C-alpha atoms as a PDB file:
ATOM      1  CA  UNK A   1     197.801  71.195  46.353  1.00  0.00           C
ATOM      2  CA  UNK A   2     194.714  72.702  47.999  1.00  0.00           C
ATOM      3  CA  UNK A   3     191.734  73.661  45.931  1.00  0.00           C
ATOM      4  CA  UNK A   4     189.968  76.863  46.926  1.00  0.00           C
ATOM      5  CA  UNK A   5     186.213  76.743  46.516  1.00  0.00           C
ATOM      6  CA  UNK A   6     184.444  80.112  46.670  1.00  0.00           C
ATOM      7  CA  UNK A   7     181.468  80.442  48.988  1.00  0.00           C
ATOM      8  CA  UNK A   8     178.180  81.057  47.214  1.00  0.00           C
ATOM      9  CA  UNK A   9     175.320  82.414  49.266  1.00  0.00           C
ATOM     10  CA  UNK A  10     172.057  82.662  47.368  1.00  0.00           C
ATOM     11  CA  UNK A  11     170.663  86.116  47.967  1.00  0.00           C
ATOM     12  CA  UNK A  12     167.083  87.160  47.457  1.00  0.00           C
ATOM     13  CA  UNK A  13     166.404  90.828  46.824  1.00  0.00           C
ATOM     14  CA  UNK A  14     163.339  91.989  48.744  1.00  0.00           C
ATOM     15  CA  UNK A  15     160.438  89.514  48.696  1.00  0.00           C
ATOM     16  CA  UNK A  16     160.885  88.354  45.126  1.00  0.00           C
ATOM     17  CA  UNK A  17     162.362  84.982  44.288  1.00  0.00           C
ATOM     18  CA  UNK A  18     164.198  86.411  41.307  1.00  0.00           C
ATOM     19  CA  UNK A  19     167.816  86.043  42.356  1.00  0.00           C
ATOM     20  CA  UNK A  20     169.145  86.564  38.841  1.00  0.00           C
ATOM     21  CA  UNK A  21     169.263  90.337  38.526  1.00  0.00           C
ATOM     22  CA  UNK A  22     170.880  91.732  35.427  1.00  0.00           C
ATOM     23  CA  UNK A  23     173.281  94.452  36.606  1.00  0.00           C
ATOM     24  CA  UNK A  24     175.068  96.645  34.039  1.00  0.00           C
ATOM     25  CA  UNK A  25     177.157  99.841  34.056  1.00  0.00           C
ATOM     26  CA  UNK A  26     177.412 102.395  31.234  1.00  0.00           C
ATOM     27  CA  UNK A  27     179.346 105.601  30.675  1.00  0.00           C
ATOM     28  CA  UNK A  28     176.472 107.608  29.187  1.00  0.00           C
ATOM     29  CA  UNK A  29     178.544 110.733  28.433  1.00  0.00           C
ATOM     30  CA  UNK A  30     175.554 112.901  29.431  1.00  0.00           C
ATOM     31  CA  UNK A  31     171.877 112.740  30.288  1.00  0.00           C
ATOM     32  CA  UNK A  32     171.731 116.536  30.141  1.00  0.00           C
ATOM     33  CA  UNK A  33     170.403 116.372  26.549  1.00  0.00           C
ATOM     34  CA  UNK A  34     166.732 116.138  25.616  1.00  0.00           C
ATOM     35  CA  UNK A  35     165.514 112.570  25.009  1.00  0.00           C
ATOM     36  CA  UNK A  36     168.661 110.899  26.346  1.00  0.00           C
ATOM     37  CA  UNK A  37     166.976 109.614  29.521  1.00  0.00           C
ATOM     38  CA  UNK A  38     164.043 108.184  27.533  1.00  0.00           C
ATOM     39  CA  UNK A  39     166.530 106.412  25.263  1.00  0.00           C
ATOM     40  CA  UNK A  40     168.341 104.883  28.253  1.00  0.00           C
ATOM     41  CA  UNK A  41     165.079 103.627  29.810  1.00  0.00           C
ATOM     42  CA  UNK A  42     163.994 102.161  26.457  1.00  0.00           C
ATOM     43  CA  UNK A  43     167.318 100.303  26.070  1.00  0.00           C
ATOM     44  CA  UNK A  44     167.117  99.122  29.660  1.00  0.00           C
ATOM     45  CA  UNK A  45     163.710  97.537  29.023  1.00  0.00           C
ATOM     46  CA  UNK A  46     164.756  96.128  25.638  1.00  0.00           C
ATOM     47  CA  UNK A  47     167.842  94.458  27.101  1.00  0.00           C
ATOM     48  CA  UNK A  48     165.953  93.345  30.265  1.00  0.00           C
ATOM     49  CA  UNK A  49     168.329  95.173  32.617  1.00  0.00           C
ATOM     50  CA  UNK A  50     167.191  95.329  36.251  1.00  0.00           C
ATOM     51  CA  UNK A  51     169.901  97.631  37.628  1.00  0.00           C
ATOM     52  CA  UNK A  52     171.856 100.091  35.475  1.00  0.00           C
ATOM     53  CA  UNK A  53     174.683 102.146  36.959  1.00  0.00           C
ATOM     54  CA  UNK A  54     175.644 105.195  34.901  1.00  0.00           C
ATOM     55  CA  UNK A  55     178.455 107.725  35.074  1.00  0.00           C
ATOM     56  CA  UNK A  56     179.071 111.096  33.390  1.00  0.00           C
ATOM     57  CA  UNK A  57     175.423 111.984  34.029  1.00  0.00           C
ATOM     58  CA  UNK A  58     176.228 115.728  34.216  1.00  0.00           C
ATOM     59  CA  UNK A  59     173.174 116.617  36.304  1.00  0.00           C
ATOM     60  CA  UNK A  60     173.388 119.040  39.203  1.00  0.00           C
ATOM     61  CA  UNK A  61     172.256 118.282  42.757  1.00  0.00           C
ATOM     62  CA  UNK A  62     171.045 114.829  43.810  1.00  0.00           C
ATOM     63  CA  UNK A  63     167.724 113.070  44.126  1.00  0.00           C
ATOM     64  CA  UNK A  64     165.300 110.400  43.037  1.00  0.00           C
ATOM     65  CA  UNK A  65     163.044 110.396  39.976  1.00  0.00           C
ATOM     66  CA  UNK A  66     160.375 107.844  38.973  1.00  0.00           C
ATOM     67  CA  UNK A  67     159.051 107.554  35.422  1.00  0.00           C
ATOM     68  CA  UNK A  68     157.356 104.815  33.388  1.00  0.00           C
ATOM     69  CA  UNK A  69     158.155 101.967  35.788  1.00  0.00           C
ATOM     70  CA  UNK A  70     161.805 103.009  36.182  1.00  0.00           C
ATOM     71  CA  UNK A  71     163.398 104.811  39.128  1.00  0.00           C
ATOM     72  CA  UNK A  72     166.524 106.932  38.693  1.00  0.00           C
ATOM     73  CA  UNK A  73     168.632 107.871  41.725  1.00  0.00           C
ATOM     74  CA  UNK A  74     171.416 110.345  40.963  1.00  0.00           C
ATOM     75  CA  UNK A  75     174.214 112.351  42.531  1.00  0.00           C
ATOM     76  CA  UNK A  76     175.766 115.421  40.932  1.00  0.00           C
ATOM     77  CA  UNK A  77     177.705 118.505  41.882  1.00  0.00           C
ATOM     78  CA  UNK A  78     177.021 122.190  41.480  1.00  0.00           C
ATOM     79  CA  UNK A  79     178.169 122.208  37.832  1.00  0.00           C
ATOM     80  CA  UNK A  80     177.081 120.121  34.834  1.00  0.00           C
ATOM     81  CA  UNK A  81     180.113 117.815  34.935  1.00  0.00           C
ATOM     82  CA  UNK A  82     180.790 114.343  36.320  1.00  0.00           C
ATOM     83  CA  UNK A  83     177.762 112.846  38.074  1.00  0.00           C
ATOM     84  CA  UNK A  84     176.662 109.269  38.744  1.00  0.00           C
ATOM     85  CA  UNK A  85     173.312 107.531  38.924  1.00  0.00           C
ATOM     86  CA  UNK A  86     171.526 104.208  39.173  1.00  0.00           C
ATOM     87  CA  UNK A  87     168.431 103.200  37.194  1.00  0.00           C
ATOM     88  CA  UNK A  88     166.247 100.519  38.814  1.00  0.00           C
ATOM     89  CA  UNK A  89     163.389  98.587  37.267  1.00  0.00           C
ATOM     90  CA  UNK A  90     160.009  98.716  39.011  1.00  0.00           C
ATOM     91  CA  UNK A  91     160.461  95.483  40.969  1.00  0.00           C
ATOM     92  CA  UNK A  92     163.950  96.353  42.232  1.00  0.00           C
ATOM     93  CA  UNK A  93     162.991  99.954  43.095  1.00  0.00           C
ATOM     94  CA  UNK A  94     160.484  98.618  45.657  1.00  0.00           C
ATOM     95  CA  UNK A  95     163.421  97.109  47.569  1.00  0.00           C
ATOM     96  CA  UNK A  96     165.370 100.359  48.079  1.00  0.00           C
ATOM     97  CA  UNK A  97     165.850 101.020  51.783  1.00  0.00           C
ATOM     98  CA  UNK A  98     168.032 104.108  51.323  1.00  0.00           C
ATOM     99  CA  UNK A  99     170.550 105.961  49.202  1.00  0.00           C
ATOM    100  CA  UNK A 100     173.502 108.177  50.025  1.00  0.00           C
ATOM    101  CA  UNK A 101     174.949 110.728  47.613  1.00  0.00           C
ATOM    102  CA  UNK A 102     178.527 111.133  48.778  1.00  0.00           C
ATOM    103  CA  UNK A 103     179.750 113.334  45.919  1.00  0.00           C
ATOM    104  CA  UNK A 104     179.369 113.902  42.187  1.00  0.00           C
ATOM    105  CA  UNK A 105     181.615 110.849  41.734  1.00  0.00           C
ATOM    106  CA  UNK A 106     180.351 108.364  44.367  1.00  0.00           C
ATOM    107  CA  UNK A 107     176.919 107.181  45.560  1.00  0.00           C
ATOM    108  CA  UNK A 108     175.451 104.193  47.423  1.00  0.00           C
ATOM    109  CA  UNK A 109     172.042 102.519  47.089  1.00  0.00           C
ATOM    110  CA  UNK A 110     170.955  99.913  49.661  1.00  0.00           C
ATOM    111  CA  UNK A 111     168.480  97.179  48.712  1.00  0.00           C
ATOM    112  CA  UNK A 112     166.583  95.021  51.213  1.00  0.00           C
ATOM    113  CA  UNK A 113     167.638  91.410  50.817  1.00  0.00           C
ATOM    114  CA  UNK A 114     167.765  88.021  52.463  1.00  0.00           C
ATOM    115  CA  UNK A 115     169.917  86.816  54.219  1.00  0.00           C
ATOM    116  CA  UNK A 116     171.568  90.256  54.095  1.00  0.00           C
ATOM    117  CA  UNK A 117     171.028  93.647  52.481  1.00  0.00           C
ATOM    118  CA  UNK A 118     172.844  94.540  49.273  1.00  0.00           C
ATOM    119  CA  UNK A 119     174.711  97.823  48.818  1.00  0.00           C
ATOM    120  CA  UNK A 120     175.404  99.050  45.294  1.00  0.00           C
ATOM    121  CA  UNK A 121     178.228 101.568  44.904  1.00  0.00           C
ATOM    122  CA  UNK A 122     178.288 103.565  41.673  1.00  0.00           C
ATOM    123  CA  UNK A 123     181.383 105.632  41.031  1.00  0.00           C
ATOM    124  CA  UNK A 124     183.093 107.654  38.324  1.00  0.00           C
ATOM    125  CA  UNK A 125     186.859 107.554  38.849  1.00  0.00           C
ATOM    126  CA  UNK A 126     189.071 110.460  37.809  1.00  0.00           C
ATOM    127  CA  UNK A 127     191.321 109.922  34.795  1.00  0.00           C
ATOM    128  CA  UNK A 128     195.088 110.367  34.554  1.00  0.00           C
ATOM    129  CA  UNK A 129     194.461 113.992  33.517  1.00  0.00           C
ATOM    130  CA  UNK A 130     193.317 114.847  37.051  1.00  0.00           C
ATOM    131  CA  UNK A 131     195.633 115.982  39.817  1.00  0.00           C
ATOM    132  CA  UNK A 132     196.868 113.660  42.544  1.00  0.00           C
ATOM    133  CA  UNK A 133     194.801 115.659  45.021  1.00  0.00           C
ATOM    134  CA  UNK A 134     191.582 114.942  43.085  1.00  0.00           C
ATOM    135  CA  UNK A 135     192.455 111.239  42.869  1.00  0.00           C
ATOM    136  CA  UNK A 136     193.111 111.030  46.629  1.00  0.00           C
ATOM    137  CA  UNK A 137     189.824 112.837  47.308  1.00  0.00           C
ATOM    138  CA  UNK A 138     187.982 110.285  45.134  1.00  0.00           C
ATOM    139  CA  UNK A 139     189.504 107.327  47.001  1.00  0.00           C
ATOM    140  CA  UNK A 140     188.590 108.931  50.353  1.00  0.00           C
ATOM    141  CA  UNK A 141     184.993 109.237  49.122  1.00  0.00           C
ATOM    142  CA  UNK A 142     185.032 105.618  47.930  1.00  0.00           C
ATOM    143  CA  UNK A 143     186.275 104.511  51.378  1.00  0.00           C
ATOM    144  CA  UNK A 144     183.362 106.404  52.967  1.00  0.00           C
ATOM    145  CA  UNK A 145     180.949 104.585  50.655  1.00  0.00           C
ATOM    146  CA  UNK A 146     182.390 101.189  51.575  1.00  0.00           C
ATOM    147  CA  UNK A 147     182.134 101.953  55.298  1.00  0.00           C
END
């Protein structure tokens, strides 16, 4: 019987030697309420989270926002529904080389790294209540993000 041993390549994000990044995802239900974003940033610092992917943001448009040592990159649609985003701590935010907002359900953030760059894909998949057409559209967008 052959034993399969996974390859482990130590990756360094940016110029820091901190390889152990704490990466978490949350379904926040909405950030469209007053004080919700402050609460998320407070919890992120309390729990020592470096990268926090969120879905159900419910913000319109897309962009980048910096506040109190935390950077928030988000992607939304024209209505206050769906939406995804990624919170980055101050150290990790310095390593961002680009971000692509593909839709209100899919986004990509690229971080400079050694020996290779790291791409984070944050997505919010449709539920069983959605039509087959919406599900296929989501998977097409996810394929674009991977490419």
